[in-house]
Protein backbone atom coordinates (compact mmCIF):
# COMPACT_ATOMS: atom_id res chain seq x y z
CA UNK A 1 122.97 79.12 86.52
CA UNK A 2 120.15 80.11 84.36
CA UNK A 3 119.39 83.17 82.13
CA UNK A 4 116.45 84.59 80.67
CA UNK A 5 116.20 86.02 77.07
CA UNK A 6 113.42 88.31 77.92
CA UNK A 7 113.15 91.18 80.45
CA UNK A 8 109.75 92.43 81.24
CA UNK A 9 107.54 92.63 78.02
CA UNK A 10 110.40 93.20 75.72
CA UNK A 11 113.14 90.90 74.35
CA UNK A 12 116.68 90.93 75.71
CA UNK A 13 119.83 91.09 73.66
CA UNK A 14 123.07 90.17 75.55
CA UNK A 15 125.39 93.23 74.85
CA UNK A 16 128.67 93.78 76.48
CA UNK A 17 128.79 96.62 78.81
CA UNK A 18 131.74 98.29 80.34
CA UNK A 19 132.58 101.29 82.65
CA UNK A 20 132.35 104.61 80.79
CA UNK A 21 135.73 105.97 79.80
CA UNK A 22 136.79 109.03 81.69
CA UNK A 23 139.44 110.05 84.46
CA UNK A 24 137.48 108.41 87.06
CA UNK A 25 136.38 105.37 85.00
CA UNK A 26 137.34 102.90 87.91
CA UNK A 27 135.17 104.24 90.71
CA UNK A 28 132.55 106.18 88.50
CA UNK A 29 129.86 104.10 89.80
CA UNK A 30 126.76 104.66 92.04
CA UNK A 31 125.57 102.05 94.67
CA UNK A 32 121.82 102.34 96.21
CA UNK A 33 119.45 100.24 98.04
CA UNK A 34 115.95 99.30 96.67
CA UNK A 35 114.28 102.46 98.28
CA UNK A 36 115.89 104.58 95.35
CA UNK A 37 116.61 102.13 92.55
CA UNK A 38 114.63 101.70 89.38
CA UNK A 39 115.31 100.68 85.62
CA UNK A 40 114.50 104.21 84.65
CA UNK A 41 116.79 105.62 87.13
CA UNK A 42 119.64 103.44 85.94
CA UNK A 43 119.06 104.36 82.26
CA UNK A 44 118.87 108.02 83.27
CA UNK A 45 122.18 107.98 84.99
CA UNK A 46 124.07 106.07 82.30
CA UNK A 47 122.55 108.06 79.44
CA UNK A 48 122.70 111.69 80.75
CA UNK A 49 125.35 111.60 83.55
CA UNK A 50 127.74 108.74 82.32
CA UNK A 51 127.30 107.11 85.56
CA UNK A 52 126.84 103.41 86.24
CA UNK A 53 124.41 101.91 88.85
CA UNK A 54 124.54 98.69 91.09
CA UNK A 55 121.64 98.47 93.34
CA UNK A 56 118.98 96.21 94.79
CA UNK A 57 115.62 96.56 93.31
CA UNK A 58 112.03 95.93 94.85
CA UNK A 59 110.16 92.88 93.66
CA UNK A 60 107.10 95.06 92.53
CA UNK A 61 108.98 96.72 89.66
CA UNK A 62 107.07 95.77 86.51
CA UNK A 63 110.35 95.22 84.44
CA UNK A 64 111.16 92.11 86.57
CA UNK A 65 110.23 88.79 84.91
CA UNK A 66 107.87 86.69 86.98
CA UNK A 67 110.27 83.74 86.82
CA UNK A 68 112.85 85.96 88.82
CA UNK A 69 110.40 86.03 91.76
CA UNK A 70 109.44 82.12 91.99
CA UNK A 71 111.08 80.32 94.88
CA UNK A 72 109.12 77.11 94.56
CA UNK A 73 111.24 74.10 93.42
CA UNK A 74 114.18 76.38 92.90
CA UNK A 75 117.86 75.23 93.76
CA UNK A 76 119.56 77.13 96.66
CA UNK A 77 122.27 79.47 95.69
CA UNK A 78 121.08 79.58 92.04
CA UNK A 79 121.09 82.73 89.94
CA UNK A 80 118.88 83.85 86.89
CA UNK A 81 120.34 86.59 84.78
CA UNK A 82 118.63 89.02 82.56
CA UNK A 83 120.17 91.38 79.91
CA UNK A 84 118.55 94.32 78.06
CA UNK A 85 120.60 97.03 76.32
CA UNK A 86 123.12 98.05 79.02
CA UNK A 87 121.26 96.80 81.98
CA UNK A 88 121.88 93.72 83.76
CA UNK A 89 119.59 92.05 86.50
CA UNK A 90 120.25 88.93 88.69
CA UNK A 91 117.97 86.94 90.81
CA UNK A 92 119.98 85.08 93.61
CA UNK A 93 118.49 82.71 96.09
CA UNK A 94 120.80 82.49 99.19
CA UNK A 95 118.31 80.46 101.20
CA UNK A 96 114.83 79.05 101.18
CA UNK A 97 112.06 81.53 100.10
CA UNK A 98 114.60 84.41 100.07
CA UNK A 99 115.19 86.28 96.73
CA UNK A 100 117.81 89.01 96.20
CA UNK A 101 117.33 91.10 93.28
CA UNK A 102 120.38 93.24 91.92
CA UNK A 103 120.41 95.62 89.13
CA UNK A 104 123.56 96.74 87.29
CA UNK A 105 124.60 98.75 84.34
CA UNK A 106 128.19 98.13 85.26
CA UNK A 107 128.11 94.40 84.62
CA UNK A 108 127.27 92.58 81.44
CA UNK A 109 128.25 88.77 82.21
CA UNK A 110 127.05 85.86 84.24
CA UNK A 111 130.43 85.57 85.98
CA UNK A 112 130.41 83.92 89.30
CA UNK A 113 132.66 85.01 92.05
CA UNK A 114 134.92 81.98 92.89
CA UNK A 115 135.63 83.30 96.30
CA UNK A 116 132.16 82.89 97.45
CA UNK A 117 132.65 79.07 97.36
CA UNK A 118 129.53 77.03 97.79
CA UNK A 119 127.53 80.02 97.88
CA UNK A 120 128.03 80.58 94.13
CA UNK A 121 127.61 84.17 94.48
CA UNK A 122 127.46 86.32 91.19
CA UNK A 123 130.11 88.89 90.74
CA UNK A 124 127.21 91.57 90.58
CA UNK A 125 126.20 90.42 94.21
CA UNK A 126 129.77 90.40 95.80
CA UNK A 127 130.59 93.86 94.03
CA UNK A 128 127.29 95.23 95.69
CA UNK A 129 128.03 93.91 99.07
CA UNK A 130 131.69 95.05 99.08
CA UNK A 131 130.47 98.57 99.56
CA UNK A 132 126.79 98.50 100.33
CA UNK A 133 126.97 95.64 102.85
CA UNK A 134 127.95 97.90 105.69
CA UNK A 135 125.16 100.29 104.98
CA UNK A 136 122.62 97.47 105.01
CA UNK A 137 124.05 96.35 108.23
CA UNK A 138 123.76 99.64 109.79
CA UNK A 139 120.02 100.02 108.60
CA UNK A 140 119.42 96.60 110.42
CA UNK A 141 121.08 97.75 113.59
CA UNK A 142 119.21 101.05 113.70
CA UNK A 143 115.96 99.36 113.09
CA UNK A 144 116.11 97.11 115.97
CA UNK A 145 116.38 99.95 118.46
CA UNK A 146 115.36 103.17 117.01
CA UNK A 147 114.23 106.59 118.36
CA UNK A 148 112.35 107.45 115.32
CA UNK A 149 108.60 108.32 115.25
CA UNK A 150 106.43 108.64 112.30
CA UNK A 151 106.48 112.23 111.18
CA UNK A 152 105.78 114.29 107.94
CA UNK A 153 108.48 116.77 108.64
CA UNK A 154 111.77 115.53 106.82
CA UNK A 155 114.11 117.65 109.16
CA UNK A 156 112.88 115.67 112.14
CA UNK A 157 113.17 112.39 110.32
CA UNK A 158 116.76 113.25 109.40
CA UNK A 159 117.42 114.15 112.93
CA UNK A 160 116.17 110.76 114.09
CA UNK A 161 118.44 109.02 111.76
CA UNK A 162 121.49 111.12 112.88
CA UNK A 163 120.73 109.91 116.40
CA UNK A 164 120.35 106.19 115.54
CA UNK A 165 123.52 106.30 113.56
CA UNK A 166 125.41 108.22 116.18
CA UNK A 167 124.45 105.57 118.72
CA UNK A 168 125.82 102.57 116.46
CA UNK A 169 129.01 104.64 115.94
CA UNK A 170 129.40 105.24 119.60
CA UNK A 171 129.14 101.60 120.41
CA UNK A 172 131.73 100.76 117.74
CA UNK A 173 134.22 103.28 119.12
CA UNK A 174 133.61 102.10 122.58
CA UNK A 175 134.22 98.58 121.72
CA UNK A 176 137.42 99.43 119.95
CA UNK A 177 138.74 101.14 122.92
CA UNK A 178 137.39 99.03 125.82
CA UNK A 179 137.85 95.47 126.70
CA UNK A 180 134.21 95.32 128.02
CA UNK A 181 131.78 94.12 125.44
CA UNK A 182 128.03 95.05 125.68
CA UNK A 183 125.16 94.09 123.61
CA UNK A 184 123.37 96.75 121.61
CA UNK A 185 120.49 96.85 124.11
CA UNK A 186 122.73 97.12 127.18
CA UNK A 187 125.07 99.83 125.39
CA UNK A 188 121.95 102.06 124.69
CA UNK A 189 120.63 101.72 128.36
CA UNK A 190 123.97 102.84 129.60
CA UNK A 191 124.35 105.69 127.02
CA UNK A 192 120.77 106.91 127.55
CA UNK A 193 121.35 106.89 131.42
CA UNK A 194 124.64 108.93 130.90
CA UNK A 195 123.08 111.47 128.79
CA UNK A 196 120.18 111.96 131.33
CA UNK A 197 122.55 112.14 134.36
CA UNK A 198 122.63 115.83 134.89
CA UNK A 199 118.72 116.26 134.42
CA UNK A 200 118.06 113.32 136.73
CA UNK A 201 120.38 114.91 139.56
CA UNK A 202 118.50 118.11 139.01
CA UNK A 203 115.13 116.35 139.34
CA UNK A 204 116.18 114.51 142.41
CA UNK A 205 116.43 117.92 144.26
CA UNK A 206 112.76 118.62 143.90
CA UNK A 207 110.85 117.88 146.92
CA UNK A 208 107.48 118.19 145.48
CA UNK A 209 108.11 115.72 142.68
CA UNK A 210 105.28 113.12 142.21
CA UNK A 211 105.51 109.86 144.04
CA UNK A 212 105.95 107.83 140.91
CA UNK A 213 108.69 110.01 139.61
CA UNK A 214 110.54 109.60 142.92
CA UNK A 215 110.21 105.83 142.66
CA UNK A 216 111.64 105.87 139.14
CA UNK A 217 114.65 108.07 140.40
CA UNK A 218 115.34 105.65 143.33
CA UNK A 219 115.35 102.78 140.75
CA UNK A 220 118.18 104.56 138.98
CA UNK A 221 119.91 105.43 141.99
CA UNK A 222 118.99 109.12 142.43
CA UNK A 223 117.60 109.73 146.06
CA UNK A 224 115.73 112.91 146.45
CA UNK A 225 117.73 115.38 148.55
CA UNK A 226 116.43 118.28 150.65
CA UNK A 227 116.99 121.73 148.88
CA UNK A 228 115.33 125.25 148.81
CA UNK A 229 111.93 125.09 147.41
CA UNK A 230 108.84 127.09 147.63
CA UNK A 231 107.43 126.38 151.16
CA UNK A 232 104.92 127.49 153.60
CA UNK A 233 106.39 126.72 157.02
CA UNK A 234 109.72 128.04 157.27
CA UNK A 235 112.42 126.57 159.45
CA UNK A 236 115.94 127.70 159.11
CA UNK A 237 118.69 125.71 160.70
CA UNK A 238 121.84 127.76 161.39
CA UNK A 239 124.90 125.68 161.83
CA UNK A 240 127.21 125.87 164.91
CA UNK A 241 129.49 128.91 164.75
CA UNK A 242 133.23 128.97 165.46
CA UNK A 243 132.61 129.77 169.14
CA UNK A 244 130.36 126.58 169.48
CA UNK A 245 127.09 128.48 169.66
CA UNK A 246 124.29 127.50 167.62
CA UNK A 247 120.87 128.79 167.11
CA UNK A 248 117.65 128.78 164.84
CA UNK A 249 115.14 131.12 163.47
CA UNK A 250 111.60 129.94 162.82
CA UNK A 251 109.07 131.84 160.62
CA UNK A 252 105.75 130.09 160.98
CA UNK A 253 102.94 130.53 158.33
CA UNK A 254 99.54 129.16 158.37
CA UNK A 255 99.97 126.49 155.96
CA UNK A 256 101.15 123.03 157.22
CA UNK A 257 103.84 122.10 154.82
CA UNK A 258 107.41 122.24 155.95
CA UNK A 259 110.64 123.45 154.53
CA UNK A 260 114.17 122.47 156.18
CA UNK A 261 116.95 124.32 154.59
CA UNK A 262 120.33 122.72 155.04
CA UNK A 263 123.70 124.55 155.11
CA UNK A 264 126.35 122.80 152.91
CA UNK A 265 129.82 122.68 153.77
CA UNK A 266 130.50 125.14 150.74
CA UNK A 267 128.82 127.99 152.55
CA UNK A 268 131.91 128.70 154.80
CA UNK A 269 132.24 132.48 154.94
CA UNK A 270 130.27 134.51 157.31
CA UNK A 271 129.23 136.87 154.61
CA UNK A 272 127.80 133.98 152.51
CA UNK A 273 125.70 132.88 155.42
CA UNK A 274 124.52 136.39 156.25
CA UNK A 275 123.33 136.85 152.77
CA UNK A 276 121.52 133.48 152.69
CA UNK A 277 119.87 134.37 155.95
CA UNK A 278 118.76 137.60 154.76
CA UNK A 279 117.39 136.21 151.50
CA UNK A 280 115.47 133.33 153.46
CA UNK A 281 113.81 135.97 155.81
CA UNK A 282 112.95 138.12 153.11
CA UNK A 283 111.26 135.10 151.26
CA UNK A 284 109.52 134.07 154.47
CA UNK A 285 108.11 137.31 155.24
CA UNK A 286 106.70 137.50 151.55
CA UNK A 287 105.16 134.14 152.00
CA UNK A 288 103.59 135.26 155.42
CA UNK A 289 102.25 138.46 153.97
CA UNK A 290 100.67 136.78 151.04
CA UNK A 291 98.88 134.29 153.30
CA UNK A 292 97.55 137.08 155.62
CA UNK A 293 96.33 138.97 152.33
CA UNK A 294 94.55 135.79 151.18
CA UNK A 295 92.89 135.37 154.40
CA UNK A 296 91.62 138.94 154.54
CA UNK A 297 90.52 138.74 150.79
CA UNK A 298 88.82 135.38 151.41
CA UNK A 299 85.00 135.88 150.87
CA UNK A 300 82.43 135.12 153.64
CA UNK A 301 79.67 132.83 152.91
CA UNK A 302 76.36 134.79 152.84
CA UNK A 303 74.10 131.63 152.81
CA UNK A 304 74.23 128.00 152.68
CA UNK A 305 71.00 127.47 150.60
CA UNK A 306 69.92 130.22 148.38
CA UNK A 307 66.63 131.79 149.08
CA UNK A 308 64.90 130.71 145.77
CA UNK A 309 65.83 127.16 146.40
CA UNK A 310 64.31 127.44 149.83
CA UNK A 311 60.95 128.18 148.32
CA UNK A 312 60.88 125.03 146.17
CA UNK A 313 58.60 123.30 148.63
CA UNK A 314 56.00 125.93 147.95
CA UNK A 315 56.59 127.01 144.40
CA UNK A 316 58.57 123.96 142.84
CA UNK A 317 57.17 122.02 139.87
CA UNK A 318 56.60 118.73 142.05
CA UNK A 319 54.77 120.67 144.76
CA UNK A 320 52.63 123.09 142.72
CA UNK A 321 52.48 122.29 138.89
CA UNK A 322 52.22 118.40 139.17
CA UNK A 323 49.58 118.82 141.83
CA UNK A 324 47.58 121.19 139.65
CA UNK A 325 47.68 118.91 136.67
CA UNK A 326 46.71 115.97 138.89
CA UNK A 327 43.55 117.78 140.00
CA UNK A 328 42.57 119.61 136.92
CA UNK A 329 43.99 117.69 133.85
CA UNK A 330 44.76 113.93 134.64
CA UNK A 331 45.35 113.10 131.01
CA UNK A 332 48.16 115.60 130.62
CA UNK A 333 49.57 114.54 133.99
CA UNK A 334 49.68 111.08 132.66
CA UNK A 335 51.37 112.28 129.32
CA UNK A 336 54.02 114.16 131.39
CA UNK A 337 54.82 111.35 133.89
CA UNK A 338 54.07 108.47 131.62
CA UNK A 339 51.95 106.98 134.38
CA UNK A 340 48.60 107.78 136.41
CA UNK A 341 48.53 109.54 139.76
CA UNK A 342 47.88 106.29 141.59
CA UNK A 343 50.88 104.62 139.96
CA UNK A 344 53.16 107.39 140.77
CA UNK A 345 52.18 107.50 144.42
CA UNK A 346 52.70 103.58 144.60
CA UNK A 347 56.19 104.10 142.99
CA UNK A 348 56.83 106.99 145.48
CA UNK A 349 56.18 104.74 148.34
CA UNK A 350 58.38 102.13 147.24
CA UNK A 351 61.52 104.20 146.91
CA UNK A 352 60.53 106.73 149.73
CA UNK A 353 62.70 104.68 152.27
CA UNK A 354 65.74 104.69 149.92
CA UNK A 355 65.84 108.37 149.27
CA UNK A 356 64.57 109.95 152.44
CA UNK A 357 67.05 111.92 154.63
CA UNK A 358 66.88 111.10 158.25
CA UNK A 359 67.27 114.29 160.34
CA UNK A 360 68.99 113.72 163.58
């Protein structure tokens, strides 16, 4: 192992550091990942709050010596230590081209954890992973399959995080109480489908659902069923009565779509059937009345071509203005069309067979 006698731009002195005295001296330490950690924060917590800090730290911090970041020609599982005042920092290389930087105001020695074996992990590293390793693992799992979206609203970001963590916890609880094991992707698909089950069942009852949506519902096993919807041709099917008689009532509107209303087994009483029939007839009459009213209010076409358009053969620009320019002012005619009258006539003869309308 190696230790450096400089830390940033200032010299380091190896000074012993211990957990501050107090009723909670054993556990009076904070852990954090590199999103929050910095040397200034560690100094602030120790000086003003009597609280030690053990945290990973980002490589772009100016207090970190350049030698701590070099991986070329460096031995695997080697550790570089730096000490300054009550702050310790270790650079550990667990594998090729991988550097782990951990800052601590709780440790003050280069002690190696003998339990780590060939990994030769410093005690600072093992202490950090003892309590923070599970959090890092949680972050890794939530980042692989996340519901989060970029947002400037912190409450929404927190809500996304709660959903991600809740999904991980649900998988852990399920695996602890079931013999069936799923991968995270499989579990999330099953969980999402179960959460959407009620909504998908409701959507499957909509007959006017777009074809693409119906196809997706069929893939998930939800086949659309006939239910009461807004319709334009009414066909009410009355089930067989107790006496064996059956009948039907038909109310036809002018539109062509069709609605078939099925009585389910739950509609057993005569009173329920009578109420349902009255409601259906009332809605059918309303639809028929609206259709008739729309027909009465529909505007009759007064003409197919407006009169002023019909006069374009006599007063239109091509029939009158351009002809006057051709006869009285050929130069202006050429400036307007960017060609002379003979050139225009020649072009017109070429395209005339393509644009002329053949009247039958």
